[in-house]
Amino acid sequence: MEFFTILLSSLLGILSPAGVVVDRLATSTIRSQISSAEQLAVRIDNVPSYRFAQGRVDRVRIAGRGIYPIEGIRIAAVEVETDAIALDPTTLTRNPQLEAPLQAGIKLVLNQQDINQALQSEAIAQQFRSFNLNFLSSSEDRSERFELVNPQINFLANSRFQLQVTLQGQQTGHQDQITVESGVEVLSGRQLQLVNPVIRLNDQAVPPQLVALLTGGISQYFDLKSLEDSGITVRVLKLETNGDNLTLAGFMRIDPSSLSTHSPETHSPATHSPATRSSAKITDGVGAQPIT
């Protein structure tokens, strides 16, 4: 969710006195919040322009390619389009506060190569190492601890994927190859669910009962509802693969109360409402388009 927290900080930065002058300065503001960007454009729509000083903006549109929200994590294409934004004008020079919920449609395109590169990053590698799958190993030494290393993902037809990862002993280096193949869908716009998952250990199929045990908690682990206690709602409207690309489109809503615990420097993310209107425009596209 780091991308969404950076996006919140960037949107608020755009509306600060230093960022309301022109679109080019708004683009610079966003660049300062992320690691890097190959292409980035921002368009702020507001008529009349003096409403900036009142904390009002009709719409913000952001389009980018090759976006690195943090080092080592690349997003191939990004599109963001907000609804009208209302900030308390008395807070613009300090920590901007929302007077009404901030809503935006979002589209992300990730490609297979970028995802595999991200899987090799230390932050994600640590997540894989935290899984305890010792009982799957074919090793006769039951006292040895094992960790997951070298994850690789491949996109398949019909929005399915294949994940290959090595279960490696920390002392002996004993290795087992694990392959997971599954479809994926999003329940109620917020929960990730695997569809007909198949797991193989060294090319041998894992029994269905064990597959169910291993994958049963996925929906709870990847549940965007956990953000709502912070006044942030994110919903996914589209998740599909096409060739080497994964396209994700949805919307976010940030309630004013969420900013009482998040400053523009600490970043945050997003619920339901007219933002659906914006996200529909984004969902039909394929990759970020130039803003004209």
Protein backbone atom coordinates (compact mmCIF):
# COMPACT_ATOMS: atom_id res chain seq x y z
CA MET A 1 0.00 0.00 0.00
CA GLU A 2 3.02 2.26 -0.05
CA PHE A 3 1.98 3.62 -3.46
CA PHE A 4 -1.36 4.87 -2.11
CA THR A 5 0.23 6.54 0.90
CA ILE A 6 2.70 8.33 -1.34
CA LEU A 7 -0.16 9.34 -3.63
CA LEU A 8 -2.04 10.94 -0.73
CA SER A 9 1.01 12.92 0.28
CA SER A 10 1.51 14.03 -3.31
CA LEU A 11 -2.08 15.18 -3.78
CA LEU A 12 -1.93 17.27 -0.64
CA GLY A 13 1.43 18.70 -1.67
CA ILE A 14 -0.04 19.82 -4.98
CA LEU A 15 -2.54 21.99 -3.14
CA SER A 16 -0.03 23.67 -0.87
CA PRO A 17 0.82 27.31 -1.70
CA ALA A 18 4.08 26.19 -3.29
CA GLY A 19 2.29 23.83 -5.63
CA VAL A 20 -0.83 25.58 -6.84
CA VAL A 21 0.80 27.83 -9.43
CA VAL A 22 1.07 25.62 -12.51
CA ASP A 23 0.87 21.99 -13.57
CA ARG A 24 4.67 21.81 -13.94
CA LEU A 25 5.17 22.64 -10.27
CA ALA A 26 2.57 20.04 -9.34
CA THR A 27 4.54 17.47 -11.33
CA SER A 28 7.71 18.46 -9.47
CA THR A 29 5.86 18.09 -6.16
CA ILE A 30 4.90 14.50 -6.98
CA ARG A 31 8.41 13.67 -8.20
CA SER A 32 9.74 14.80 -4.83
CA GLN A 33 7.53 12.23 -3.07
CA ILE A 34 8.61 9.17 -5.10
CA SER A 35 11.92 7.49 -5.84
CA SER A 36 11.85 8.28 -9.57
CA ALA A 37 9.65 8.46 -12.68
CA GLU A 38 10.47 7.90 -16.34
CA GLN A 39 7.45 9.95 -17.48
CA LEU A 40 5.05 11.99 -15.37
CA ALA A 41 2.41 14.60 -16.17
CA VAL A 42 -0.12 16.39 -13.96
CA ARG A 43 -3.13 18.47 -14.98
CA ILE A 44 -5.03 20.53 -12.40
CA ASP A 45 -8.46 21.74 -13.51
CA ASN A 46 -9.89 24.75 -11.69
CA VAL A 47 -12.16 27.58 -12.82
CA PRO A 48 -11.77 30.26 -11.64
CA SER A 49 -8.13 29.88 -10.62
CA TYR A 50 -8.45 31.91 -7.40
CA ARG A 51 -10.28 28.94 -5.85
CA PHE A 52 -6.85 27.39 -5.26
CA ALA A 53 -6.34 29.84 -2.41
CA GLN A 54 -9.69 28.71 -0.98
CA GLY A 55 -8.53 25.10 -0.91
CA ARG A 56 -10.77 24.09 -3.82
CA VAL A 57 -9.82 22.12 -6.93
CA ASP A 58 -12.25 20.76 -9.53
CA ARG A 59 -10.10 17.84 -10.60
CA VAL A 60 -6.52 16.53 -10.60
CA ARG A 61 -5.32 14.14 -13.31
CA ILE A 62 -2.02 12.30 -13.10
CA ALA A 63 -0.49 10.06 -15.78
CA GLY A 64 2.88 8.37 -15.57
CA ARG A 65 5.05 5.58 -16.91
CA GLY A 66 7.94 3.83 -15.21
CA ILE A 67 6.96 5.04 -11.73
CA TYR A 68 9.13 3.94 -8.79
CA PRO A 69 7.14 4.75 -5.61
CA ILE A 70 10.05 3.31 -3.65
CA GLU A 71 13.45 2.11 -4.85
CA GLY A 72 13.33 -1.25 -6.61
CA ILE A 73 9.54 -1.29 -7.11
CA ARG A 74 8.45 -0.23 -10.63
CA ILE A 75 4.90 0.45 -11.84
CA ALA A 76 4.75 0.35 -15.65
CA ALA A 77 1.85 2.82 -15.96
CA VAL A 78 -0.29 4.89 -13.60
CA GLU A 79 -3.45 6.92 -14.13
CA VAL A 80 -5.18 8.88 -11.37
CA GLU A 81 -8.23 11.12 -11.66
CA THR A 82 -9.77 12.76 -8.61
CA ASP A 83 -13.21 14.14 -7.95
CA ALA A 84 -13.43 17.69 -6.64
CA ILE A 85 -11.09 18.29 -3.68
CA ALA A 86 -11.95 20.52 -0.72
CA LEU A 87 -9.32 21.51 1.86
CA ASP A 88 -9.59 23.77 4.87
CA PRO A 89 -7.93 26.96 3.52
CA THR A 90 -6.64 27.90 6.98
CA THR A 91 -4.45 24.75 7.01
CA LEU A 92 -2.82 25.11 3.58
CA THR A 93 0.41 26.62 4.88
CA ARG A 94 0.85 23.92 7.53
CA ASN A 95 -0.65 20.43 7.48
CA PRO A 96 -3.51 20.48 4.91
CA GLN A 97 -6.78 19.06 6.24
CA LEU A 98 -9.70 17.83 4.15
CA GLU A 99 -13.11 19.43 4.54
CA ALA A 100 -14.73 16.62 2.54
CA PRO A 101 -13.63 13.10 1.57
CA LEU A 102 -10.98 12.91 -1.14
CA GLN A 103 -11.97 10.45 -3.86
CA ALA A 104 -10.04 9.24 -6.88
CA GLY A 105 -10.12 6.62 -9.61
CA ILE A 106 -6.84 4.76 -10.07
CA LYS A 107 -5.43 2.47 -12.73
CA LEU A 108 -2.12 0.62 -12.42
CA VAL A 109 -0.35 -1.53 -14.99
CA LEU A 110 2.40 -3.87 -13.76
CA ASN A 111 4.46 -6.08 -16.02
CA GLN A 112 5.86 -9.50 -15.27
CA GLN A 113 9.51 -8.43 -15.44
CA ASP A 114 8.98 -5.60 -12.97
CA ILE A 115 7.10 -7.84 -10.55
CA ASN A 116 9.88 -10.43 -10.62
CA GLN A 117 12.45 -7.73 -10.00
CA ALA A 118 10.40 -6.49 -7.05
CA LEU A 119 10.19 -10.04 -5.68
CA GLN A 120 13.98 -10.01 -5.40
CA SER A 121 13.98 -6.85 -3.27
CA GLU A 122 15.02 -7.27 0.35
CA ALA A 123 11.69 -6.00 1.71
CA ILE A 124 9.70 -8.68 -0.13
CA ALA A 125 12.35 -11.36 0.41
CA GLN A 126 11.92 -10.87 4.15
CA GLN A 127 8.18 -11.49 3.80
CA PHE A 128 8.83 -14.81 2.05
CA ARG A 129 11.36 -15.84 4.69
CA SER A 130 8.75 -15.32 7.40
CA PHE A 131 6.59 -18.20 6.12
CA ASN A 132 7.12 -21.44 8.03
CA LEU A 133 6.73 -24.30 5.54
CA ASN A 134 9.17 -26.75 7.15
CA PHE A 135 6.59 -29.55 7.00
CA LEU A 136 6.63 -29.46 3.18
CA SER A 137 10.32 -30.26 2.87
CA SER A 138 11.47 -33.68 1.61
CA SER A 139 14.52 -33.46 3.89
CA GLU A 140 14.92 -36.20 6.49
CA ASP A 141 16.35 -33.70 8.98
CA ARG A 142 13.21 -32.41 10.73
CA SER A 143 15.23 -30.14 13.03
CA GLU A 144 16.40 -27.93 10.16
CA ARG A 145 14.65 -24.65 9.44
CA PHE A 146 13.68 -23.76 5.90
CA GLU A 147 12.96 -20.51 4.10
CA LEU A 148 11.43 -19.50 0.76
CA VAL A 149 13.91 -17.98 -1.71
CA ASN A 150 14.10 -17.00 -5.39
CA PRO A 151 10.39 -16.42 -6.12
CA GLN A 152 9.44 -16.02 -9.79
CA ILE A 153 5.99 -15.34 -11.26
CA ASN A 154 4.63 -16.06 -14.74
CA PHE A 155 1.33 -14.76 -16.09
CA LEU A 156 -0.83 -17.38 -17.80
CA ALA A 157 -3.97 -17.22 -19.93
CA ASN A 158 -7.41 -16.54 -18.40
CA SER A 159 -6.05 -14.37 -15.57
CA ARG A 160 -4.10 -17.24 -14.06
CA PHE A 161 -0.53 -17.14 -12.78
CA GLN A 162 2.26 -19.50 -11.86
CA LEU A 163 4.55 -18.83 -8.89
CA GLN A 164 7.77 -20.79 -8.54
CA VAL A 165 9.79 -20.60 -5.34
CA THR A 166 12.54 -22.64 -3.67
CA LEU A 167 12.21 -24.06 -0.14
CA GLN A 168 15.81 -24.02 1.10
CA GLY A 169 17.38 -25.36 4.27
CA GLN A 170 19.26 -22.74 6.28
CA GLN A 171 21.97 -25.16 7.44
CA THR A 172 22.35 -27.84 4.75
CA GLY A 173 21.12 -25.88 1.74
CA HIS A 174 18.71 -28.73 0.89
CA GLN A 175 16.25 -27.49 -1.73
CA ASP A 176 12.70 -28.33 -2.75
CA GLN A 177 10.94 -26.68 -5.67
CA ILE A 178 7.42 -25.39 -5.03
CA THR A 179 5.12 -24.41 -7.89
CA VAL A 180 1.78 -22.72 -7.33
CA GLU A 181 -0.66 -22.25 -10.21
CA SER A 182 -3.96 -20.47 -9.66
CA GLY A 183 -6.52 -18.05 -10.94
CA VAL A 184 -7.22 -14.92 -8.95
CA GLU A 185 -10.30 -12.81 -8.34
CA VAL A 186 -11.33 -9.99 -6.03
CA LEU A 187 -14.32 -10.49 -3.72
CA SER A 188 -16.50 -7.46 -2.99
CA GLY A 189 -13.76 -5.26 -4.41
CA ARG A 190 -11.52 -5.80 -1.41
CA GLN A 191 -10.50 -9.43 -0.80
CA LEU A 192 -8.04 -11.33 -2.96
CA GLN A 193 -9.07 -14.94 -3.55
CA LEU A 194 -7.28 -17.77 -5.33
CA VAL A 195 -9.34 -19.73 -7.88
CA ASN A 196 -8.70 -23.47 -8.32
CA PRO A 197 -5.16 -23.36 -6.89
CA VAL A 198 -2.79 -26.24 -7.59
CA ILE A 199 0.46 -26.71 -5.66
CA ARG A 200 3.30 -29.03 -6.65
CA LEU A 201 6.31 -30.01 -4.56
CA ASN A 202 9.17 -31.28 -6.74
CA ASP A 203 6.63 -31.92 -9.55
CA GLN A 204 4.40 -33.95 -7.23
CA ALA A 205 0.87 -32.63 -6.66
CA VAL A 206 0.12 -31.59 -3.08
CA PRO A 207 -3.15 -33.16 -1.78
CA PRO A 208 -6.21 -30.88 -2.12
CA GLN A 209 -6.76 -30.88 1.65
CA LEU A 210 -3.27 -29.49 2.21
CA VAL A 211 -3.72 -26.95 -0.60
CA ALA A 212 -6.88 -25.71 1.14
CA LEU A 213 -4.97 -25.43 4.43
CA LEU A 214 -2.14 -23.47 2.83
CA THR A 215 -4.34 -21.07 0.87
CA GLY A 216 -7.33 -20.75 3.19
CA GLY A 217 -6.15 -17.53 4.84
CA ILE A 218 -5.32 -15.62 1.65
CA SER A 219 -8.60 -13.67 1.59
CA GLN A 220 -8.15 -12.48 5.17
CA TYR A 221 -4.48 -11.61 4.70
CA PHE A 222 -5.13 -9.54 1.55
CA ASP A 223 -8.21 -7.67 2.73
CA LEU A 224 -8.40 -3.93 2.03
CA LYS A 225 -11.07 -3.57 4.70
CA SER A 226 -8.26 -3.37 7.24
CA LEU A 227 -7.60 0.20 6.04
CA GLU A 228 -11.07 1.42 6.93
CA ASP A 229 -10.31 1.86 10.63
CA SER A 230 -7.93 4.61 9.51
CA GLY A 231 -10.62 6.37 7.47
CA ILE A 232 -9.26 5.02 4.20
CA THR A 233 -11.11 2.81 1.72
CA VAL A 234 -9.73 1.18 -1.41
CA ARG A 235 -11.84 -0.92 -3.77
CA VAL A 236 -10.65 -2.92 -6.78
CA LEU A 237 -13.00 -2.86 -9.79
CA LYS A 238 -10.79 -4.70 -12.27
CA LEU A 239 -7.94 -7.19 -11.97
CA GLU A 240 -6.78 -9.06 -15.05
CA THR A 241 -3.72 -10.25 -16.92
CA ASN A 242 -3.07 -9.63 -20.60
CA GLY A 243 0.14 -11.10 -21.95
CA ASP A 244 2.96 -9.93 -19.67
CA ASN A 245 0.85 -7.18 -18.06
CA LEU A 246 -1.31 -7.13 -14.95
CA THR A 247 -3.95 -4.38 -14.96
CA LEU A 248 -5.58 -3.20 -11.75
CA ALA A 249 -8.24 -0.48 -11.64
CA GLY A 250 -10.26 0.81 -8.72
CA PHE A 251 -10.93 3.79 -6.54
CA MET A 252 -9.97 5.18 -3.18
CA ARG A 253 -11.64 7.42 -0.67
CA ILE A 254 -9.89 9.25 2.16
CA ASP A 255 -12.06 10.62 4.95
CA PRO A 256 -11.06 13.92 6.62
CA SER A 257 -10.55 12.09 9.93
CA SER A 258 -7.71 10.03 8.46
CA LEU A 259 -5.53 13.12 8.04
CA SER A 260 -5.62 13.89 11.74
CA THR A 261 -3.06 11.09 12.14
CA HIS A 262 -1.25 11.46 8.82
CA SER A 263 0.77 14.47 7.79
CA PRO A 264 1.71 15.02 4.13
CA GLU A 265 5.12 13.59 4.88
CA THR A 266 3.89 10.31 6.36
CA HIS A 267 1.67 9.21 3.47
CA SER A 268 -1.71 7.25 3.45
CA PRO A 269 -4.56 5.50 1.11
CA ALA A 270 -8.58 4.86 0.39
CA THR A 271 -13.92 3.98 0.14
CA HIS A 272 -16.91 4.17 -1.88
CA SER A 273 -18.77 6.97 -3.62
CA PRO A 274 -18.73 9.23 -6.66
CA ALA A 275 -15.11 8.22 -7.18
CA THR A 276 -16.62 5.30 -9.06
CA ARG A 277 -17.42 7.89 -11.68
CA SER A 278 -13.75 8.73 -12.15
CA SER A 279 -12.52 5.14 -12.03
CA ALA A 280 -14.87 4.12 -14.85
CA LYS A 281 -13.01 6.47 -17.17
CA ILE A 282 -9.71 4.95 -16.20
CA THR A 283 -10.80 1.31 -16.29
CA ASP A 284 -11.40 1.32 -20.04
CA GLY A 285 -7.88 2.50 -20.91
CA VAL A 286 -4.78 0.44 -21.47
CA GLY A 287 -1.87 2.12 -19.72
CA ALA A 288 -1.43 5.73 -18.81
CA GLN A 289 -2.38 8.10 -21.60
CA PRO A 290 -0.91 11.56 -22.22
CA ILE A 291 -2.86 14.36 -20.59
CA THR A 292 -4.16 16.79 -23.17
